[in-house]
C-alpha cells in the first residue's frame, strides 16, 4: 500500500510500501539532497520519498536545526503525531487554506525511519516558528 501527501507551499511526499521496520538512517541507505530550497530524502528499499519545497527551509535546516541524532526517533515521532494532528485539524476546519491546503497522511503504525521523522519534525518546527502558529501538543522550539 502506498501512502502519499502533498502541500501547496511545500511538497512533502512520503510513499511507504513496507511493514514496520526498525532501521537507522545509515542502515536504510537513504539519500539526502539539498538544492535550491528543496530538501529530498529517498529510500528505494522501503519505497518512500520526502520532498520539502519551501523557500528558506533548507537554509534553516542547515543553520538552525539541531544536528541529526540530537533527538531520538521516538521523541520526534511523538511530536510529529501531535503536530500532524494539529495540521490536519486546520485543514479540516478550513483555517488559513494558503498554509493548510492538504492533510498529512502520517500513520502511527508505520516506522518511517529516523530521517523521515527528522525532516518532518524540523519542517513542522520551522513552519510553526516562521508562521507564528502553534499546531498544539508540544511547543515548537529550537
N, C-alpha and C. Protein backbone atom coordinates (compact mmCIF):
# COMPACT_ATOMS: atom_id res chain seq x y z
N UNK A 1 0.85 -1.17 0.00
CA UNK A 1 0.00 0.00 0.00
C UNK A 1 0.89 1.23 0.00
N UNK A 2 0.59 2.17 -0.86
CA UNK A 2 1.38 3.40 -0.92
C UNK A 2 0.57 4.53 -0.33
N UNK A 3 1.21 5.33 0.49
CA UNK A 3 0.57 6.47 1.12
C UNK A 3 1.32 7.71 0.69
N UNK A 4 0.59 8.77 0.36
CA UNK A 4 1.27 10.00 -0.02
C UNK A 4 0.48 11.19 0.45
N UNK A 5 1.16 12.29 0.62
CA UNK A 5 0.52 13.55 0.96
C UNK A 5 1.34 14.68 0.38
N UNK A 6 0.69 15.77 0.03
CA UNK A 6 1.40 16.92 -0.53
C UNK A 6 0.83 18.19 0.05
N UNK A 7 1.58 19.26 -0.07
CA UNK A 7 1.18 20.59 0.36
C UNK A 7 1.38 21.51 -0.83
N UNK A 8 0.67 22.64 -0.88
CA UNK A 8 0.89 23.60 -1.95
C UNK A 8 2.17 24.39 -1.72
N UNK A 9 2.33 24.99 -0.54
CA UNK A 9 3.50 25.81 -0.26
C UNK A 9 4.74 24.93 -0.17
N UNK A 10 4.58 23.78 0.36
CA UNK A 10 5.67 22.81 0.39
C UNK A 10 5.15 21.54 -0.25
N UNK A 11 6.01 20.77 -0.78
CA UNK A 11 5.62 19.46 -1.28
C UNK A 11 6.33 18.46 -0.39
N UNK A 12 5.58 17.75 0.39
CA UNK A 12 6.14 16.76 1.31
C UNK A 12 5.46 15.46 0.99
N UNK A 13 6.19 14.53 0.44
CA UNK A 13 5.60 13.28 0.00
C UNK A 13 6.29 12.14 0.71
N UNK A 14 5.50 11.31 1.34
CA UNK A 14 6.03 10.07 1.90
C UNK A 14 5.26 8.95 1.24
N UNK A 15 5.98 8.10 0.57
CA UNK A 15 5.36 6.93 -0.02
C UNK A 15 5.98 5.74 0.69
N UNK A 16 5.14 4.93 1.27
CA UNK A 16 5.64 3.80 2.04
C UNK A 16 4.98 2.53 1.56
N UNK A 17 5.78 1.51 1.41
CA UNK A 17 5.24 0.23 0.97
C UNK A 17 6.02 -0.86 1.70
N UNK A 18 5.90 -0.88 3.01
CA UNK A 18 6.63 -1.88 3.77
C UNK A 18 5.96 -2.08 5.10
N UNK A 19 6.31 -3.20 5.72
CA UNK A 19 5.86 -3.40 7.09
C UNK A 19 6.76 -2.58 8.00
N UNK A 20 6.40 -2.47 9.26
CA UNK A 20 7.20 -1.70 10.20
C UNK A 20 8.59 -2.30 10.29
N UNK A 21 9.60 -1.45 10.15
CA UNK A 21 10.99 -1.89 10.22
C UNK A 21 11.74 -1.00 11.16
N UNK A 22 12.65 -1.55 11.92
CA UNK A 22 13.48 -0.76 12.82
C UNK A 22 14.88 -0.70 12.23
N UNK A 23 15.14 0.35 11.48
CA UNK A 23 16.45 0.56 10.89
C UNK A 23 16.85 1.99 11.14
N UNK A 24 18.12 2.22 11.18
CA UNK A 24 18.57 3.59 11.34
C UNK A 24 18.80 4.20 9.97
N UNK A 25 19.00 5.51 9.93
CA UNK A 25 19.20 6.22 8.68
C UNK A 25 20.34 5.63 7.88
N UNK A 26 21.47 5.36 8.50
CA UNK A 26 22.62 4.86 7.76
C UNK A 26 22.37 3.45 7.25
N UNK A 27 21.61 2.65 7.97
CA UNK A 27 21.33 1.30 7.52
C UNK A 27 20.34 1.28 6.36
N UNK A 28 19.52 2.31 6.24
CA UNK A 28 18.50 2.33 5.21
C UNK A 28 19.03 2.72 3.83
N UNK A 29 20.25 3.17 3.76
CA UNK A 29 20.85 3.60 2.50
C UNK A 29 20.03 4.70 1.86
N UNK A 30 19.61 5.65 2.67
CA UNK A 30 18.85 6.80 2.19
C UNK A 30 19.79 7.77 1.50
N UNK A 31 19.23 8.59 0.64
CA UNK A 31 20.00 9.66 0.05
C UNK A 31 19.30 10.96 0.40
N UNK A 32 20.08 11.96 0.74
CA UNK A 32 19.53 13.27 1.06
C UNK A 32 20.20 14.29 0.17
N UNK A 33 19.42 15.17 -0.40
CA UNK A 33 19.97 16.23 -1.25
C UNK A 33 19.32 17.55 -0.88
N UNK A 34 20.08 18.61 -0.94
CA UNK A 34 19.55 19.95 -0.70
C UNK A 34 19.91 20.80 -1.91
N UNK A 35 18.89 21.28 -2.65
CA UNK A 35 19.13 22.10 -3.81
C UNK A 35 18.06 23.17 -3.90
N UNK A 36 18.46 24.40 -4.04
CA UNK A 36 17.52 25.49 -4.31
C UNK A 36 16.26 25.42 -3.47
N UNK A 37 16.39 25.43 -2.16
CA UNK A 37 15.26 25.38 -1.25
C UNK A 37 14.44 24.10 -1.38
N UNK A 38 15.05 23.03 -1.84
CA UNK A 38 14.40 21.74 -1.92
C UNK A 38 15.20 20.75 -1.10
N UNK A 39 14.54 20.05 -0.19
CA UNK A 39 15.19 19.01 0.60
C UNK A 39 14.55 17.70 0.17
N UNK A 40 15.36 16.72 -0.20
CA UNK A 40 14.85 15.44 -0.67
C UNK A 40 15.52 14.30 0.09
N UNK A 41 14.72 13.33 0.44
CA UNK A 41 15.24 12.09 1.02
C UNK A 41 14.49 10.95 0.37
N UNK A 42 15.23 9.90 0.02
CA UNK A 42 14.60 8.76 -0.64
C UNK A 42 15.20 7.47 -0.14
N UNK A 43 14.40 6.43 -0.19
CA UNK A 43 14.83 5.09 0.16
C UNK A 43 14.11 4.13 -0.75
N UNK A 44 14.81 3.60 -1.74
CA UNK A 44 14.18 2.70 -2.69
C UNK A 44 13.75 1.39 -2.04
N UNK A 45 14.50 0.92 -1.06
CA UNK A 45 14.18 -0.34 -0.38
C UNK A 45 12.82 -0.27 0.31
N UNK A 46 12.56 0.81 1.03
CA UNK A 46 11.29 0.96 1.73
C UNK A 46 10.26 1.71 0.89
N UNK A 47 10.63 2.15 -0.30
CA UNK A 47 9.77 2.83 -1.25
C UNK A 47 9.08 4.06 -0.69
N UNK A 48 9.86 4.98 -0.17
CA UNK A 48 9.29 6.26 0.22
C UNK A 48 10.20 7.38 -0.24
N UNK A 49 9.61 8.53 -0.36
CA UNK A 49 10.35 9.72 -0.74
C UNK A 49 9.73 10.91 -0.03
N UNK A 50 10.56 11.78 0.47
CA UNK A 50 10.09 13.01 1.09
C UNK A 50 10.73 14.15 0.31
N UNK A 51 9.90 15.07 -0.15
CA UNK A 51 10.41 16.26 -0.82
C UNK A 51 9.77 17.46 -0.13
N UNK A 52 10.60 18.35 0.37
CA UNK A 52 10.11 19.57 1.02
C UNK A 52 10.60 20.74 0.19
N UNK A 53 9.65 21.50 -0.36
CA UNK A 53 9.98 22.69 -1.14
C UNK A 53 9.35 23.87 -0.41
N UNK A 54 10.18 24.67 0.20
CA UNK A 54 9.70 25.82 0.96
C UNK A 54 10.85 26.81 1.02
N UNK A 55 10.68 27.99 0.42
CA UNK A 55 11.77 28.96 0.45
C UNK A 55 12.24 29.22 1.89
N UNK A 56 13.49 29.03 2.11
CA UNK A 56 14.06 29.28 3.43
C UNK A 56 14.25 28.05 4.29
N UNK A 57 13.54 26.97 4.01
CA UNK A 57 13.64 25.80 4.88
C UNK A 57 15.01 25.13 4.81
N UNK A 58 15.56 24.96 3.61
CA UNK A 58 16.85 24.27 3.53
C UNK A 58 17.94 25.06 4.26
N UNK A 59 17.92 26.38 4.14
CA UNK A 59 18.89 27.21 4.87
C UNK A 59 18.68 27.11 6.37
N UNK A 60 17.41 27.14 6.79
CA UNK A 60 17.09 27.00 8.22
C UNK A 60 17.54 25.64 8.73
N UNK A 61 17.29 24.60 7.95
CA UNK A 61 17.67 23.24 8.36
C UNK A 61 19.18 23.14 8.57
N UNK A 62 19.93 23.74 7.68
CA UNK A 62 21.39 23.68 7.78
C UNK A 62 21.96 24.57 8.88
N UNK A 63 21.29 25.69 9.15
CA UNK A 63 21.88 26.65 10.09
C UNK A 63 21.28 26.64 11.49
N UNK A 64 20.01 26.26 11.64
CA UNK A 64 19.36 26.42 12.94
C UNK A 64 18.87 25.12 13.57
N UNK A 65 18.61 24.11 12.77
CA UNK A 65 18.08 22.85 13.32
C UNK A 65 19.16 22.12 14.11
N UNK A 66 18.72 21.36 15.10
CA UNK A 66 19.66 20.50 15.82
C UNK A 66 20.23 19.47 14.86
N UNK A 67 21.46 19.04 15.09
CA UNK A 67 22.05 18.03 14.20
C UNK A 67 21.33 16.70 14.33
N UNK A 68 21.50 15.87 13.34
CA UNK A 68 20.92 14.53 13.39
C UNK A 68 21.43 13.82 14.64
N UNK A 69 20.60 12.98 15.18
CA UNK A 69 20.85 12.20 16.40
C UNK A 69 20.83 13.04 17.67
N UNK A 70 20.47 14.31 17.59
CA UNK A 70 20.29 15.12 18.80
C UNK A 70 19.06 14.63 19.55
N UNK A 71 17.98 14.39 18.81
CA UNK A 71 16.75 13.84 19.39
C UNK A 71 16.61 12.39 18.96
N UNK A 72 15.97 11.60 19.79
CA UNK A 72 15.71 10.21 19.42
C UNK A 72 14.55 10.15 18.42
N UNK A 73 14.45 9.05 17.72
CA UNK A 73 13.35 8.88 16.77
C UNK A 73 12.01 8.91 17.50
N UNK A 74 11.92 8.28 18.67
CA UNK A 74 10.64 8.26 19.40
C UNK A 74 10.25 9.67 19.85
N UNK A 75 11.22 10.49 20.23
CA UNK A 75 10.96 11.89 20.61
C UNK A 75 10.30 12.62 19.44
N UNK A 76 10.91 12.48 18.25
CA UNK A 76 10.38 13.18 17.08
C UNK A 76 9.05 12.59 16.64
N UNK A 77 8.88 11.28 16.74
CA UNK A 77 7.60 10.66 16.37
C UNK A 77 6.47 11.19 17.24
N UNK A 78 6.70 11.33 18.54
CA UNK A 78 5.67 11.86 19.44
C UNK A 78 5.26 13.26 19.03
N UNK A 79 6.21 14.10 18.73
CA UNK A 79 5.89 15.46 18.31
C UNK A 79 5.24 15.48 16.94
N UNK A 80 5.76 14.67 16.04
CA UNK A 80 5.17 14.61 14.70
C UNK A 80 3.70 14.18 14.77
N UNK A 81 3.39 13.20 15.59
CA UNK A 81 1.99 12.75 15.73
C UNK A 81 1.10 13.90 16.20
N UNK A 82 1.53 14.60 17.23
CA UNK A 82 0.74 15.71 17.77
C UNK A 82 0.62 16.84 16.74
N UNK A 83 1.72 17.19 16.11
CA UNK A 83 1.71 18.31 15.18
C UNK A 83 0.96 17.97 13.89
N UNK A 84 1.08 16.74 13.42
CA UNK A 84 0.33 16.34 12.23
C UNK A 84 -1.17 16.36 12.54
N UNK A 85 -1.55 15.94 13.73
CA UNK A 85 -2.96 16.02 14.15
C UNK A 85 -3.43 17.47 14.11
N UNK A 86 -2.63 18.38 14.67
CA UNK A 86 -2.97 19.80 14.64
C UNK A 86 -3.03 20.34 13.22
N UNK A 87 -2.09 19.94 12.39
CA UNK A 87 -2.08 20.35 10.98
C UNK A 87 -3.38 19.90 10.31
N UNK A 88 -3.71 18.62 10.47
CA UNK A 88 -4.90 18.07 9.82
C UNK A 88 -6.18 18.70 10.34
N UNK A 89 -6.23 19.07 11.61
CA UNK A 89 -7.40 19.76 12.14
C UNK A 89 -7.58 21.12 11.47
N UNK A 90 -6.48 21.80 11.20
CA UNK A 90 -6.55 23.07 10.48
C UNK A 90 -7.06 22.87 9.05
N UNK A 91 -6.62 21.80 8.41
CA UNK A 91 -7.08 21.51 7.05
C UNK A 91 -8.59 21.23 7.06
N UNK A 92 -9.04 20.37 7.97
CA UNK A 92 -10.46 20.00 8.05
C UNK A 92 -11.33 21.22 8.35
N UNK A 93 -10.85 22.08 9.24
CA UNK A 93 -11.62 23.28 9.62
C UNK A 93 -11.55 24.37 8.56
N UNK A 94 -10.69 24.23 7.58
CA UNK A 94 -10.56 25.24 6.54
C UNK A 94 -9.84 26.50 6.99
N UNK A 95 -9.08 26.40 8.08
CA UNK A 95 -8.33 27.56 8.59
C UNK A 95 -7.12 27.83 7.71
N UNK A 96 -6.95 29.07 7.35
CA UNK A 96 -5.78 29.52 6.60
C UNK A 96 -5.43 28.56 5.46
N UNK A 97 -6.30 28.46 4.45
CA UNK A 97 -6.08 27.48 3.38
C UNK A 97 -4.81 27.72 2.56
N UNK A 98 -4.24 28.93 2.63
CA UNK A 98 -2.98 29.17 1.93
C UNK A 98 -1.84 28.38 2.57
N UNK A 99 -1.94 28.14 3.88
CA UNK A 99 -0.91 27.38 4.59
C UNK A 99 -1.28 25.92 4.75
N UNK A 100 -2.56 25.65 4.97
CA UNK A 100 -3.01 24.29 5.26
C UNK A 100 -3.92 23.79 4.14
N UNK A 101 -3.34 23.52 2.99
CA UNK A 101 -4.15 23.12 1.85
C UNK A 101 -4.53 21.65 1.88
N UNK A 102 -3.59 20.78 2.21
CA UNK A 102 -3.85 19.34 2.18
C UNK A 102 -3.44 18.69 3.49
N UNK A 103 -4.12 17.62 3.83
CA UNK A 103 -3.80 16.91 5.06
C UNK A 103 -2.53 16.06 4.88
N UNK A 104 -1.96 15.67 6.00
CA UNK A 104 -0.77 14.82 6.03
C UNK A 104 -1.20 13.43 6.45
N UNK A 105 -0.83 12.44 5.67
CA UNK A 105 -1.16 11.05 5.98
C UNK A 105 0.04 10.41 6.68
N UNK A 106 0.21 10.74 7.93
CA UNK A 106 1.31 10.20 8.75
C UNK A 106 0.70 9.13 9.64
N UNK A 107 1.02 7.89 9.37
CA UNK A 107 0.39 6.78 10.09
C UNK A 107 1.25 6.32 11.25
N UNK A 108 0.63 6.20 12.41
CA UNK A 108 1.34 5.84 13.63
C UNK A 108 1.93 4.43 13.60
N UNK A 109 1.35 3.54 12.82
CA UNK A 109 1.81 2.15 12.82
C UNK A 109 2.92 1.89 11.80
N UNK A 110 3.37 2.91 11.11
CA UNK A 110 4.45 2.75 10.13
C UNK A 110 5.73 3.37 10.68
N UNK A 111 6.81 2.61 10.61
CA UNK A 111 8.12 3.13 11.01
C UNK A 111 8.74 3.77 9.78
N UNK A 112 8.66 5.09 9.71
CA UNK A 112 9.22 5.82 8.56
C UNK A 112 10.73 5.96 8.66
N UNK A 113 11.28 5.58 9.78
CA UNK A 113 12.72 5.69 9.96
C UNK A 113 13.13 7.04 10.52
N UNK A 114 14.38 7.12 10.88
CA UNK A 114 14.89 8.32 11.54
C UNK A 114 14.84 9.54 10.62
N UNK A 115 15.33 9.40 9.41
CA UNK A 115 15.49 10.57 8.54
C UNK A 115 14.16 11.20 8.16
N UNK A 116 13.15 10.42 7.87
CA UNK A 116 11.84 10.98 7.54
C UNK A 116 11.29 11.73 8.74
N UNK A 117 11.38 11.12 9.91
CA UNK A 117 10.91 11.79 11.12
C UNK A 117 11.72 13.04 11.41
N UNK A 118 13.02 13.00 11.17
CA UNK A 118 13.88 14.17 11.37
C UNK A 118 13.44 15.32 10.48
N UNK A 119 13.24 15.05 9.19
CA UNK A 119 12.84 16.11 8.27
C UNK A 119 11.44 16.64 8.57
N UNK A 120 10.50 15.74 8.86
CA UNK A 120 9.15 16.18 9.18
C UNK A 120 9.13 16.99 10.46
N UNK A 121 9.82 16.50 11.49
CA UNK A 121 9.92 17.22 12.77
C UNK A 121 10.48 18.62 12.56
N UNK A 122 11.58 18.71 11.82
CA UNK A 122 12.20 20.01 11.61
C UNK A 122 11.37 20.90 10.71
N UNK A 123 10.69 20.33 9.71
CA UNK A 123 9.83 21.18 8.89
C UNK A 123 8.68 21.74 9.74
N UNK A 124 8.06 20.89 10.55
CA UNK A 124 6.93 21.36 11.36
C UNK A 124 7.39 22.37 12.42
N UNK A 125 8.61 22.21 12.93
CA UNK A 125 9.18 23.20 13.85
C UNK A 125 9.39 24.52 13.11
N UNK A 126 10.05 24.45 11.96
CA UNK A 126 10.30 25.63 11.12
C UNK A 126 8.98 26.32 10.76
N UNK A 127 7.99 25.54 10.33
CA UNK A 127 6.69 26.08 9.93
C UNK A 127 6.03 26.86 11.07
N UNK A 128 6.03 26.28 12.25
CA UNK A 128 5.40 26.93 13.40
C UNK A 128 6.14 28.21 13.80
N UNK A 129 7.46 28.14 13.84
CA UNK A 129 8.24 29.31 14.25
C UNK A 129 8.17 30.42 13.20
N UNK A 130 8.23 30.05 11.94
CA UNK A 130 8.21 31.03 10.85
C UNK A 130 6.85 31.71 10.73
N UNK A 131 5.78 30.95 10.91
CA UNK A 131 4.43 31.49 10.73
C UNK A 131 3.76 31.89 12.04
N UNK A 132 4.49 31.77 13.15
CA UNK A 132 3.95 32.10 14.47
C UNK A 132 2.61 31.40 14.71
N UNK A 133 2.62 30.10 14.42
CA UNK A 133 1.43 29.25 14.55
C UNK A 133 1.79 28.08 15.46
N UNK A 134 0.86 27.71 16.32
CA UNK A 134 1.04 26.52 17.16
C UNK A 134 0.16 25.40 16.60
N UNK A 135 0.77 24.24 16.39
CA UNK A 135 0.00 23.09 15.95
C UNK A 135 -0.48 22.26 17.14
N UNK A 136 -0.15 22.71 18.35
CA UNK A 136 -0.64 22.07 19.57
C UNK A 136 0.24 20.93 20.04
N UNK A 137 -0.08 20.45 21.22
CA UNK A 137 0.64 19.33 21.80
C UNK A 137 1.93 19.73 22.49
N UNK A 138 2.90 20.13 21.72
CA UNK A 138 4.22 20.50 22.23
C UNK A 138 4.60 21.85 21.62
N UNK A 139 5.23 22.73 22.41
CA UNK A 139 5.68 23.99 21.81
C UNK A 139 6.85 23.76 20.86
N UNK A 140 6.83 24.45 19.73
CA UNK A 140 7.93 24.35 18.79
C UNK A 140 9.07 25.23 19.28
N UNK A 141 10.25 24.68 19.36
CA UNK A 141 11.42 25.46 19.77
C UNK A 141 12.67 24.79 19.24
N UNK A 142 13.71 25.57 19.20
CA UNK A 142 14.99 25.06 18.70
C UNK A 142 15.82 24.60 19.87
